[in-house]
């Protein structure tokens, strides 16, 4: 019985933590880089992939206006670009490319979803944003929260929440691509040859688009560690980029210096305390950055740490 109440308490704290994390994230000021990556959500692409039954359905979701993941107009014709999906498979690894035809002769990779089996019923997944879109390779992955207490008895219990890597084996599209009868998906669509159901729309203003993709950040985050190494080796020689997009991006990056932000070292500590009938819950976050790059706060030569401690005081 004691273990039941302890697990219930930890579950309740986990829910509160997610609520506070999302509120703090939404309160953070947005910072546009002026790069194409501002108009595509890596986190949103992961969520769409997770909820798709197949790669064909995933491609359709990516190109649906209501999904609010794609706001790209790489050829600057005033209409949203169509994103085609191409799977590169090699034994137990998949490199699923998200690609835009920008002209009759050129295409540009937006990102690649890399998947590897790590056990009989285990697989890991990351999405890598292309450097010509985001200014640098940007890695995002799904995460779960794991709660642990300090094992101490007394008037207070300290609960520490740690983000852990997700086993994506039970995701429907992952089971789909690892099924024995799977036929490798290569989108049949290309420049000016798109599905009959697709109707391009005009790009939204950046701030409106950014506000719409924030909910996708609840279960996905940007990381610095590249875990899916074998799939990336499959993808690397197949990477496709547009000379026009590459030139535009490198020009923007050069003009803005370190992506428009001042390089240096900064440290920010945020503490949030909420009082309730069972005591107080405290969330503390400390971030240290050096040589900051990119819209996601990737640090070169620096580090980013997050410590979350929650206390319940009895009496």
C-alpha atoms as a PDB file:
ATOM      1  CA  UNK A   1       0.000   0.000   0.000  1.00  0.00           C
ATOM      2  CA  UNK A   2       2.861   2.326   0.870  1.00  0.00           C
ATOM      3  CA  UNK A   3       4.439   1.719  -2.565  1.00  0.00           C
ATOM      4  CA  UNK A   4       1.092   2.479  -4.244  1.00  0.00           C
ATOM      5  CA  UNK A   5       0.844   5.897  -2.613  1.00  0.00           C
ATOM      6  CA  UNK A   6       4.498   6.622  -3.368  1.00  0.00           C
ATOM      7  CA  UNK A   7       3.991   5.827  -7.077  1.00  0.00           C
ATOM      8  CA  UNK A   8       0.790   7.909  -7.139  1.00  0.00           C
ATOM      9  CA  UNK A   9       2.627  10.854  -5.622  1.00  0.00           C
ATOM     10  CA  UNK A  10       5.474  10.573  -8.120  1.00  0.00           C
ATOM     11  CA  UNK A  11       2.988  10.389 -10.996  1.00  0.00           C
ATOM     12  CA  UNK A  12       1.217  13.534  -9.790  1.00  0.00           C
ATOM     13  CA  UNK A  13       4.514  15.389  -9.534  1.00  0.00           C
ATOM     14  CA  UNK A  14       5.440  14.281 -13.069  1.00  0.00           C
ATOM     15  CA  UNK A  15       2.200  15.790 -14.384  1.00  0.00           C
ATOM     16  CA  UNK A  16       2.879  19.060 -12.572  1.00  0.00           C
ATOM     17  CA  UNK A  17       6.441  19.114 -13.908  1.00  0.00           C
ATOM     18  CA  UNK A  18       5.262  18.787 -17.514  1.00  0.00           C
ATOM     19  CA  UNK A  19       2.794  21.627 -16.915  1.00  0.00           C
ATOM     20  CA  UNK A  20       5.448  23.937 -15.465  1.00  0.00           C
ATOM     21  CA  UNK A  21       7.974  23.020 -18.175  1.00  0.00           C
ATOM     22  CA  UNK A  22       5.524  23.828 -20.957  1.00  0.00           C
ATOM     23  CA  UNK A  23       4.479  27.097 -19.340  1.00  0.00           C
ATOM     24  CA  UNK A  24       8.102  28.177 -18.912  1.00  0.00           C
ATOM     25  CA  UNK A  25       8.918  27.187 -22.489  1.00  0.00           C
ATOM     26  CA  UNK A  26       6.003  29.162 -23.912  1.00  0.00           C
ATOM     27  CA  UNK A  27       7.064  32.204 -21.893  1.00  0.00           C
ATOM     28  CA  UNK A  28      10.531  32.249 -23.435  1.00  0.00           C
ATOM     29  CA  UNK A  29      10.976  34.977 -26.081  1.00  0.00           C
ATOM     30  CA  UNK A  30      11.238  33.737 -29.644  1.00  0.00           C
ATOM     31  CA  UNK A  31      14.383  34.500 -31.644  1.00  0.00           C
ATOM     32  CA  UNK A  32      14.224  34.211 -35.412  1.00  0.00           C
ATOM     33  CA  UNK A  33      17.450  33.332 -37.198  1.00  0.00           C
ATOM     34  CA  UNK A  34      16.256  34.324 -40.668  1.00  0.00           C
ATOM     35  CA  UNK A  35      17.106  30.812 -41.898  1.00  0.00           C
ATOM     36  CA  UNK A  36      14.693  28.393 -43.627  1.00  0.00           C
ATOM     37  CA  UNK A  37      14.738  26.157 -40.544  1.00  0.00           C
ATOM     38  CA  UNK A  38      12.606  28.731 -38.749  1.00  0.00           C
ATOM     39  CA  UNK A  39       9.761  27.507 -40.951  1.00  0.00           C
ATOM     40  CA  UNK A  40       9.964  23.786 -40.319  1.00  0.00           C
ATOM     41  CA  UNK A  41       9.418  21.944 -37.030  1.00  0.00           C
ATOM     42  CA  UNK A  42      11.667  18.946 -36.422  1.00  0.00           C
ATOM     43  CA  UNK A  43       9.742  18.161 -33.252  1.00  0.00           C
ATOM     44  CA  UNK A  44       6.479  18.364 -35.179  1.00  0.00           C
ATOM     45  CA  UNK A  45       7.787  15.980 -37.838  1.00  0.00           C
ATOM     46  CA  UNK A  46       8.563  13.413 -35.119  1.00  0.00           C
ATOM     47  CA  UNK A  47       5.035  13.697 -33.735  1.00  0.00           C
ATOM     48  CA  UNK A  48       3.482  13.290 -37.189  1.00  0.00           C
ATOM     49  CA  UNK A  49       5.687  10.277 -37.867  1.00  0.00           C
ATOM     50  CA  UNK A  50       4.708   8.706 -34.545  1.00  0.00           C
ATOM     51  CA  UNK A  51       0.999   8.997 -35.375  1.00  0.00           C
ATOM     52  CA  UNK A  52       1.203   7.809 -39.002  1.00  0.00           C
ATOM     53  CA  UNK A  53       0.324   4.253 -40.043  1.00  0.00           C
ATOM     54  CA  UNK A  54       2.775   4.227 -42.980  1.00  0.00           C
ATOM     55  CA  UNK A  55       5.334   6.420 -44.725  1.00  0.00           C
ATOM     56  CA  UNK A  56       2.744   7.313 -47.353  1.00  0.00           C
ATOM     57  CA  UNK A  57       0.439   8.612 -44.631  1.00  0.00           C
ATOM     58  CA  UNK A  58       3.369  10.409 -42.994  1.00  0.00           C
ATOM     59  CA  UNK A  59       4.052  12.251 -46.269  1.00  0.00           C
ATOM     60  CA  UNK A  60       0.403  13.271 -46.459  1.00  0.00           C
ATOM     61  CA  UNK A  61       0.441  14.575 -42.874  1.00  0.00           C
ATOM     62  CA  UNK A  62       3.601  16.585 -43.534  1.00  0.00           C
ATOM     63  CA  UNK A  63       1.877  18.346 -46.415  1.00  0.00           C
ATOM     64  CA  UNK A  64      -1.405  19.050 -44.629  1.00  0.00           C
ATOM     65  CA  UNK A  65      -1.887  22.696 -43.685  1.00  0.00           C
ATOM     66  CA  UNK A  66      -3.625  21.798 -40.421  1.00  0.00           C
ATOM     67  CA  UNK A  67      -0.548  19.852 -39.231  1.00  0.00           C
ATOM     68  CA  UNK A  68       1.320  23.158 -38.867  1.00  0.00           C
ATOM     69  CA  UNK A  69       4.746  21.592 -39.344  1.00  0.00           C
ATOM     70  CA  UNK A  70       5.756  22.828 -42.801  1.00  0.00           C
ATOM     71  CA  UNK A  71       5.913  26.565 -43.522  1.00  0.00           C
ATOM     72  CA  UNK A  72       8.713  26.403 -46.110  1.00  0.00           C
ATOM     73  CA  UNK A  73       8.928  28.363 -49.354  1.00  0.00           C
ATOM     74  CA  UNK A  74      12.455  27.597 -50.543  1.00  0.00           C
ATOM     75  CA  UNK A  75      11.952  28.704 -54.141  1.00  0.00           C
ATOM     76  CA  UNK A  76      10.250  31.915 -52.942  1.00  0.00           C
ATOM     77  CA  UNK A  77       7.248  31.637 -55.260  1.00  0.00           C
ATOM     78  CA  UNK A  78       4.772  32.594 -52.533  1.00  0.00           C
ATOM     79  CA  UNK A  79       3.447  29.042 -52.025  1.00  0.00           C
ATOM     80  CA  UNK A  80       4.301  26.346 -49.499  1.00  0.00           C
ATOM     81  CA  UNK A  81       6.713  23.692 -50.789  1.00  0.00           C
ATOM     82  CA  UNK A  82       5.667  20.055 -51.129  1.00  0.00           C
ATOM     83  CA  UNK A  83       7.782  17.664 -49.041  1.00  0.00           C
ATOM     84  CA  UNK A  84       8.418  14.208 -50.475  1.00  0.00           C
ATOM     85  CA  UNK A  85       9.470  11.258 -48.307  1.00  0.00           C
ATOM     86  CA  UNK A  86      12.119   8.751 -49.422  1.00  0.00           C
ATOM     87  CA  UNK A  87      13.275   5.779 -47.341  1.00  0.00           C
ATOM     88  CA  UNK A  88      16.859   4.556 -47.670  1.00  0.00           C
ATOM     89  CA  UNK A  89      16.984   1.087 -46.128  1.00  0.00           C
ATOM     90  CA  UNK A  90      20.031  -1.040 -45.369  1.00  0.00           C
ATOM     91  CA  UNK A  91      19.310  -4.209 -43.377  1.00  0.00           C
ATOM     92  CA  UNK A  92      18.061  -3.054 -39.958  1.00  0.00           C
ATOM     93  CA  UNK A  93      18.609   0.677 -40.447  1.00  0.00           C
ATOM     94  CA  UNK A  94      16.435   3.275 -42.133  1.00  0.00           C
ATOM     95  CA  UNK A  95      17.274   6.815 -43.225  1.00  0.00           C
ATOM     96  CA  UNK A  96      13.936   8.429 -44.111  1.00  0.00           C
ATOM     97  CA  UNK A  97      14.600  11.637 -46.042  1.00  0.00           C
ATOM     98  CA  UNK A  98      12.246  14.624 -46.093  1.00  0.00           C
ATOM     99  CA  UNK A  99      13.003  16.451 -49.342  1.00  0.00           C
ATOM    100  CA  UNK A 100      11.665  19.457 -51.291  1.00  0.00           C
ATOM    101  CA  UNK A 101      11.892  19.728 -55.101  1.00  0.00           C
ATOM    102  CA  UNK A 102      12.847  23.405 -55.507  1.00  0.00           C
ATOM    103  CA  UNK A 103      13.107  23.462 -59.300  1.00  0.00           C
ATOM    104  CA  UNK A 104      13.093  21.243 -62.362  1.00  0.00           C
ATOM    105  CA  UNK A 105      16.730  20.315 -61.722  1.00  0.00           C
ATOM    106  CA  UNK A 106      17.323  20.691 -57.978  1.00  0.00           C
ATOM    107  CA  UNK A 107      16.006  19.245 -54.725  1.00  0.00           C
ATOM    108  CA  UNK A 108      16.880  20.082 -51.148  1.00  0.00           C
ATOM    109  CA  UNK A 109      16.878  17.744 -48.137  1.00  0.00           C
ATOM    110  CA  UNK A 110      15.080  19.294 -45.176  1.00  0.00           C
ATOM    111  CA  UNK A 111      15.776  16.584 -42.624  1.00  0.00           C
ATOM    112  CA  UNK A 112      16.346  12.853 -42.266  1.00  0.00           C
ATOM    113  CA  UNK A 113      14.698  10.543 -39.735  1.00  0.00           C
ATOM    114  CA  UNK A 114      17.280   7.941 -38.738  1.00  0.00           C
ATOM    115  CA  UNK A 115      16.147   4.676 -37.133  1.00  0.00           C
ATOM    116  CA  UNK A 116      18.106   1.667 -35.883  1.00  0.00           C
ATOM    117  CA  UNK A 117      17.169  -1.526 -34.103  1.00  0.00           C
ATOM    118  CA  UNK A 118      19.084  -1.933 -30.860  1.00  0.00           C
ATOM    119  CA  UNK A 119      17.500  -5.216 -29.789  1.00  0.00           C
ATOM    120  CA  UNK A 120      14.822  -7.740 -30.701  1.00  0.00           C
ATOM    121  CA  UNK A 121      12.057  -5.320 -29.712  1.00  0.00           C
ATOM    122  CA  UNK A 122      14.016  -2.123 -29.322  1.00  0.00           C
ATOM    123  CA  UNK A 123      14.736   0.768 -31.672  1.00  0.00           C
ATOM    124  CA  UNK A 124      15.946   4.348 -31.391  1.00  0.00           C
ATOM    125  CA  UNK A 125      15.103   7.334 -33.559  1.00  0.00           C
ATOM    126  CA  UNK A 126      16.474  10.806 -34.200  1.00  0.00           C
ATOM    127  CA  UNK A 127      15.699  13.470 -36.782  1.00  0.00           C
ATOM    128  CA  UNK A 128      18.596  15.499 -38.212  1.00  0.00           C
ATOM    129  CA  UNK A 129      17.850  18.936 -39.626  1.00  0.00           C
ATOM    130  CA  UNK A 130      19.953  19.692 -42.724  1.00  0.00           C
ATOM    131  CA  UNK A 131      22.679  22.319 -42.348  1.00  0.00           C
ATOM    132  CA  UNK A 132      21.486  24.182 -45.462  1.00  0.00           C
ATOM    133  CA  UNK A 133      18.093  24.620 -43.792  1.00  0.00           C
ATOM    134  CA  UNK A 134      19.049  25.171 -40.151  1.00  0.00           C
ATOM    135  CA  UNK A 135      22.519  26.682 -40.589  1.00  0.00           C
ATOM    136  CA  UNK A 136      24.069  23.672 -38.858  1.00  0.00           C
ATOM    137  CA  UNK A 137      23.084  20.052 -38.337  1.00  0.00           C
ATOM    138  CA  UNK A 138      20.341  20.111 -35.704  1.00  0.00           C
ATOM    139  CA  UNK A 139      19.385  16.890 -33.900  1.00  0.00           C
ATOM    140  CA  UNK A 140      16.045  16.277 -32.193  1.00  0.00           C
ATOM    141  CA  UNK A 141      14.603  13.180 -30.550  1.00  0.00           C
ATOM    142  CA  UNK A 142      11.592  12.065 -28.520  1.00  0.00           C
ATOM    143  CA  UNK A 143      11.995  11.758 -24.757  1.00  0.00           C
ATOM    144  CA  UNK A 144      10.258  10.374 -21.696  1.00  0.00           C
ATOM    145  CA  UNK A 145      10.532  11.449 -18.074  1.00  0.00           C
ATOM    146  CA  UNK A 146      11.709   9.059 -15.372  1.00  0.00           C
ATOM    147  CA  UNK A 147      11.032   9.971 -11.739  1.00  0.00           C
ATOM    148  CA  UNK A 148      13.189   8.800  -8.843  1.00  0.00           C
ATOM    149  CA  UNK A 149      13.144   9.696  -5.158  1.00  0.00           C
ATOM    150  CA  UNK A 150      16.147  10.036  -2.900  1.00  0.00           C
ATOM    151  CA  UNK A 151      15.195   6.952  -0.882  1.00  0.00           C
ATOM    152  CA  UNK A 152      15.223   8.930   2.366  1.00  0.00           C
ATOM    153  CA  UNK A 153      12.570   8.785   5.059  1.00  0.00           C
ATOM    154  CA  UNK A 154      11.489  11.884   6.860  1.00  0.00           C
ATOM    155  CA  UNK A 155       9.320  14.991   6.535  1.00  0.00           C
ATOM    156  CA  UNK A 156      10.327  15.631   2.912  1.00  0.00           C
ATOM    157  CA  UNK A 157      10.798  13.568  -0.243  1.00  0.00           C
ATOM    158  CA  UNK A 158      13.045  14.736  -3.078  1.00  0.00           C
ATOM    159  CA  UNK A 159      11.921  13.612  -6.543  1.00  0.00           C
ATOM    160  CA  UNK A 160      14.371  14.011  -9.427  1.00  0.00           C
ATOM    161  CA  UNK A 161      13.097  13.820 -13.010  1.00  0.00           C
ATOM    162  CA  UNK A 162      15.486  12.666 -15.742  1.00  0.00           C
ATOM    163  CA  UNK A 163      14.849  12.694 -19.485  1.00  0.00           C
ATOM    164  CA  UNK A 164      15.443   9.292 -21.049  1.00  0.00           C
ATOM    165  CA  UNK A 165      15.764   8.010 -24.628  1.00  0.00           C
ATOM    166  CA  UNK A 166      12.542   6.517 -26.009  1.00  0.00           C
ATOM    167  CA  UNK A 167      12.263   2.958 -27.327  1.00  0.00           C
ATOM    168  CA  UNK A 168      10.204   3.589 -30.501  1.00  0.00           C
ATOM    169  CA  UNK A 169       9.715  -0.079 -31.415  1.00  0.00           C
ATOM    170  CA  UNK A 170       5.966   0.022 -30.674  1.00  0.00           C
ATOM    171  CA  UNK A 171       5.347   3.103 -32.816  1.00  0.00           C
ATOM    172  CA  UNK A 172       3.095   2.088 -35.735  1.00  0.00           C
ATOM    173  CA  UNK A 173       5.327   3.365 -38.577  1.00  0.00           C
ATOM    174  CA  UNK A 174       8.383   1.682 -37.029  1.00  0.00           C
ATOM    175  CA  UNK A 175       6.600  -1.678 -36.925  1.00  0.00           C
ATOM    176  CA  UNK A 176       5.430  -0.964 -40.490  1.00  0.00           C
ATOM    177  CA  UNK A 177       8.918  -0.456 -41.939  1.00  0.00           C
ATOM    178  CA  UNK A 178      10.313  -3.489 -40.103  1.00  0.00           C
ATOM    179  CA  UNK A 179       7.517  -5.806 -41.260  1.00  0.00           C
ATOM    180  CA  UNK A 180       8.692  -8.680 -43.533  1.00  0.00           C
ATOM    181  CA  UNK A 181       6.364  -7.568 -46.358  1.00  0.00           C
ATOM    182  CA  UNK A 182       7.462  -3.916 -46.274  1.00  0.00           C
ATOM    183  CA  UNK A 183       8.177  -2.393 -49.683  1.00  0.00           C
ATOM    184  CA  UNK A 184      10.637   0.510 -49.408  1.00  0.00           C
ATOM    185  CA  UNK A 185       8.729   3.785 -49.802  1.00  0.00           C
ATOM    186  CA  UNK A 186       9.978   6.267 -52.396  1.00  0.00           C
ATOM    187  CA  UNK A 187       7.592   9.142 -53.028  1.00  0.00           C
ATOM    188  CA  UNK A 188       6.351   9.121 -56.638  1.00  0.00           C
ATOM    189  CA  UNK A 189       5.964  12.909 -56.643  1.00  0.00           C
ATOM    190  CA  UNK A 190       8.405  15.466 -58.022  1.00  0.00           C
ATOM    191  CA  UNK A 191       8.610  19.054 -59.276  1.00  0.00           C
ATOM    192  CA  UNK A 192       5.192  20.097 -60.653  1.00  0.00           C
ATOM    193  CA  UNK A 193       3.895  16.541 -60.324  1.00  0.00           C
ATOM    194  CA  UNK A 194       2.027  16.498 -57.028  1.00  0.00           C
ATOM    195  CA  UNK A 195      -0.944  14.514 -55.629  1.00  0.00           C
ATOM    196  CA  UNK A 196      -4.398  15.663 -56.715  1.00  0.00           C
ATOM    197  CA  UNK A 197      -5.475  16.252 -53.103  1.00  0.00           C
ATOM    198  CA  UNK A 198      -2.663  18.710 -52.368  1.00  0.00           C
ATOM    199  CA  UNK A 199      -3.361  22.430 -52.532  1.00  0.00           C
ATOM    200  CA  UNK A 200      -0.444  24.720 -51.557  1.00  0.00           C
ATOM    201  CA  UNK A 201      -1.170  27.640 -49.264  1.00  0.00           C
ATOM    202  CA  UNK A 202       0.642  30.893 -48.577  1.00  0.00           C
ATOM    203  CA  UNK A 203       3.322  30.799 -45.855  1.00  0.00           C
ATOM    204  CA  UNK A 204       2.307  32.149 -42.455  1.00  0.00           C
ATOM    205  CA  UNK A 205       4.237  34.953 -40.725  1.00  0.00           C
ATOM    206  CA  UNK A 206       7.092  33.477 -38.739  1.00  0.00           C
ATOM    207  CA  UNK A 207       5.803  34.421 -35.282  1.00  0.00           C
ATOM    208  CA  UNK A 208       2.384  32.922 -36.002  1.00  0.00           C
ATOM    209  CA  UNK A 209       4.007  29.706 -37.230  1.00  0.00           C
ATOM    210  CA  UNK A 210       6.338  29.552 -34.221  1.00  0.00           C
ATOM    211  CA  UNK A 211       3.438  29.899 -31.795  1.00  0.00           C
ATOM    212  CA  UNK A 212       1.669  27.024 -33.528  1.00  0.00           C
ATOM    213  CA  UNK A 213       4.561  24.547 -33.263  1.00  0.00           C
ATOM    214  CA  UNK A 214       5.341  25.045 -29.561  1.00  0.00           C
ATOM    215  CA  UNK A 215       2.995  22.235 -28.428  1.00  0.00           C
ATOM    216  CA  UNK A 216       5.161  19.781 -30.400  1.00  0.00           C
ATOM    217  CA  UNK A 217       8.021  20.487 -27.971  1.00  0.00           C
ATOM    218  CA  UNK A 218       6.272  18.704 -25.084  1.00  0.00           C
ATOM    219  CA  UNK A 219       7.665  15.271 -25.930  1.00  0.00           C
ATOM    220  CA  UNK A 220      10.638  16.093 -28.200  1.00  0.00           C
ATOM    221  CA  UNK A 221      13.769  18.133 -27.668  1.00  0.00           C
ATOM    222  CA  UNK A 222      16.984  19.180 -29.379  1.00  0.00           C
ATOM    223  CA  UNK A 223      20.101  17.261 -28.287  1.00  0.00           C
ATOM    224  CA  UNK A 224      23.833  17.376 -28.956  1.00  0.00           C
ATOM    225  CA  UNK A 225      24.477  13.610 -29.087  1.00  0.00           C
ATOM    226  CA  UNK A 226      24.192  11.732 -32.388  1.00  0.00           C
ATOM    227  CA  UNK A 227      23.064   8.254 -31.343  1.00  0.00           C
ATOM    228  CA  UNK A 228      21.921   6.694 -34.630  1.00  0.00           C
ATOM    229  CA  UNK A 229      25.325   6.392 -36.262  1.00  0.00           C
ATOM    230  CA  UNK A 230      24.788   3.488 -38.675  1.00  0.00           C
ATOM    231  CA  UNK A 231      21.712   5.008 -40.303  1.00  0.00           C
ATOM    232  CA  UNK A 232      23.590   8.275 -40.741  1.00  0.00           C
ATOM    233  CA  UNK A 233      26.333   6.440 -42.637  1.00  0.00           C
ATOM    234  CA  UNK A 234      23.651   5.103 -44.965  1.00  0.00           C
ATOM    235  CA  UNK A 235      22.256   8.596 -45.500  1.00  0.00           C
ATOM    236  CA  UNK A 236      25.446  10.677 -45.826  1.00  0.00           C
ATOM    237  CA  UNK A 237      26.455   9.660 -49.386  1.00  0.00           C
ATOM    238  CA  UNK A 238      22.842  10.130 -50.530  1.00  0.00           C
ATOM    239  CA  UNK A 239      22.356  13.646 -49.169  1.00  0.00           C
ATOM    240  CA  UNK A 240      20.868  16.047 -51.740  1.00  0.00           C
ATOM    241  CA  UNK A 241      21.150  19.813 -51.640  1.00  0.00           C
ATOM    242  CA  UNK A 242      20.287  22.773 -53.827  1.00  0.00           C
ATOM    243  CA  UNK A 243      23.010  25.219 -54.839  1.00  0.00           C
ATOM    244  CA  UNK A 244      20.537  28.093 -54.598  1.00  0.00           C
ATOM    245  CA  UNK A 245      19.445  27.174 -51.057  1.00  0.00           C
ATOM    246  CA  UNK A 246      23.017  26.507 -49.935  1.00  0.00           C
ATOM    247  CA  UNK A 247      24.230  29.891 -51.214  1.00  0.00           C
ATOM    248  CA  UNK A 248      21.319  31.740 -49.600  1.00  0.00           C
ATOM    249  CA  UNK A 249      21.890  30.054 -46.240  1.00  0.00           C
ATOM    250  CA  UNK A 250      25.660  30.571 -46.131  1.00  0.00           C
ATOM    251  CA  UNK A 251      25.149  34.231 -47.045  1.00  0.00           C
ATOM    252  CA  UNK A 252      22.641  34.677 -44.213  1.00  0.00           C
ATOM    253  CA  UNK A 253      24.883  32.929 -41.695  1.00  0.00           C
ATOM    254  CA  UNK A 254      27.894  35.036 -42.694  1.00  0.00           C
ATOM    255  CA  UNK A 255      25.886  38.252 -42.463  1.00  0.00           C
ATOM    256  CA  UNK A 256      24.530  37.426 -39.014  1.00  0.00           C
ATOM    257  CA  UNK A 257      27.796  36.206 -37.486  1.00  0.00           C
ATOM    258  CA  UNK A 258      27.048  33.497 -34.945  1.00  0.00           C
ATOM    259  CA  UNK A 259      23.447  33.175 -36.174  1.00  0.00           C
ATOM    260  CA  UNK A 260      22.646  36.694 -35.047  1.00  0.00           C
ATOM    261  CA  UNK A 261      23.587  36.086 -31.415  1.00  0.00           C
ATOM    262  CA  UNK A 262      26.528  37.356 -29.447  1.00  0.00           C
ATOM    263  CA  UNK A 263      29.090  34.658 -28.707  1.00  0.00           C
ATOM    264  CA  UNK A 264      30.210  34.414 -25.113  1.00  0.00           C
ATOM    265  CA  UNK A 265      29.260  32.783 -21.840  1.00  0.00           C
ATOM    266  CA  UNK A 266      25.954  33.227 -20.066  1.00  0.00           C
ATOM    267  CA  UNK A 267      24.318  31.555 -17.106  1.00  0.00           C
ATOM    268  CA  UNK A 268      20.640  31.676 -16.237  1.00  0.00           C
ATOM    269  CA  UNK A 269      18.943  30.155 -13.213  1.00  0.00           C
ATOM    270  CA  UNK A 270      15.169  29.956 -12.939  1.00  0.00           C
ATOM    271  CA  UNK A 271      13.331  28.735  -9.865  1.00  0.00           C
ATOM    272  CA  UNK A 272       9.582  28.226  -9.692  1.00  0.00           C
ATOM    273  CA  UNK A 273       7.796  27.398  -6.424  1.00  0.00           C
ATOM    274  CA  UNK A 274       4.125  26.541  -6.204  1.00  0.00           C
ATOM    275  CA  UNK A 275       2.386  26.090  -2.869  1.00  0.00           C
ATOM    276  CA  UNK A 276      -0.466  23.657  -2.351  1.00  0.00           C
ATOM    277  CA  UNK A 277      -2.216  21.800   0.415  1.00  0.00           C
ATOM    278  CA  UNK A 278       0.461  19.090   0.447  1.00  0.00           C
ATOM    279  CA  UNK A 279       3.391  21.463   0.714  1.00  0.00           C
ATOM    280  CA  UNK A 280       5.564  23.156  -1.911  1.00  0.00           C
ATOM    281  CA  UNK A 281       6.902  22.028  -5.287  1.00  0.00           C
ATOM    282  CA  UNK A 282      10.107  23.642  -6.476  1.00  0.00           C
ATOM    283  CA  UNK A 283      11.547  23.503  -9.990  1.00  0.00           C
ATOM    284  CA  UNK A 284      15.079  24.770 -10.555  1.00  0.00           C
ATOM    285  CA  UNK A 285      16.706  25.106 -13.958  1.00  0.00           C
ATOM    286  CA  UNK A 286      20.282  26.234 -14.575  1.00  0.00           C
ATOM    287  CA  UNK A 287      21.591  26.808 -18.091  1.00  0.00           C
ATOM    288  CA  UNK A 288      25.180  27.627 -19.028  1.00  0.00           C
ATOM    289  CA  UNK A 289      26.067  28.475 -22.618  1.00  0.00           C
ATOM    290  CA  UNK A 290      29.354  29.267 -24.312  1.00  0.00           C
ATOM    291  CA  UNK A 291      29.771  30.260 -27.934  1.00  0.00           C
ATOM    292  CA  UNK A 292      26.019  29.897 -28.503  1.00  0.00           C
ATOM    293  CA  UNK A 293      24.805  28.891 -31.959  1.00  0.00           C
ATOM    294  CA  UNK A 294      21.481  28.428 -33.621  1.00  0.00           C
ATOM    295  CA  UNK A 295      17.847  29.005 -32.759  1.00  0.00           C
ATOM    296  CA  UNK A 296      17.785  25.995 -30.435  1.00  0.00           C
ATOM    297  CA  UNK A 297      20.616  27.148 -28.202  1.00  0.00           C
ATOM    298  CA  UNK A 298      23.168  24.554 -29.297  1.00  0.00           C
ATOM    299  CA  UNK A 299      26.456  25.422 -27.655  1.00  0.00           C
ATOM    300  CA  UNK A 300      29.916  25.109 -29.150  1.00  0.00           C
ATOM    301  CA  UNK A 301      32.498  24.560 -26.462  1.00  0.00           C
ATOM    302  CA  UNK A 302      29.883  24.938 -23.741  1.00  0.00           C
ATOM    303  CA  UNK A 303      27.281  22.921 -21.937  1.00  0.00           C
ATOM    304  CA  UNK A 304      23.628  22.973 -21.025  1.00  0.00           C
ATOM    305  CA  UNK A 305      22.407  21.310 -17.850  1.00  0.00           C
ATOM    306  CA  UNK A 306      18.964  21.038 -16.346  1.00  0.00           C
ATOM    307  CA  UNK A 307      18.337  19.996 -12.762  1.00  0.00           C
ATOM    308  CA  UNK A 308      14.777  19.421 -11.619  1.00  0.00           C
ATOM    309  CA  UNK A 309      14.056  18.749  -7.943  1.00  0.00           C
ATOM    310  CA  UNK A 310      10.652  18.539  -6.376  1.00  0.00           C
ATOM    311  CA  UNK A 311       9.991  18.420  -2.664  1.00  0.00           C
ATOM    312  CA  UNK A 312       6.923  17.465  -0.720  1.00  0.00           C
ATOM    313  CA  UNK A 313       6.859  18.629   2.845  1.00  0.00           C
ATOM    314  CA  UNK A 314       4.579  16.801   5.246  1.00  0.00           C
ATOM    315  CA  UNK A 315       2.677  18.578   7.978  1.00  0.00           C
END
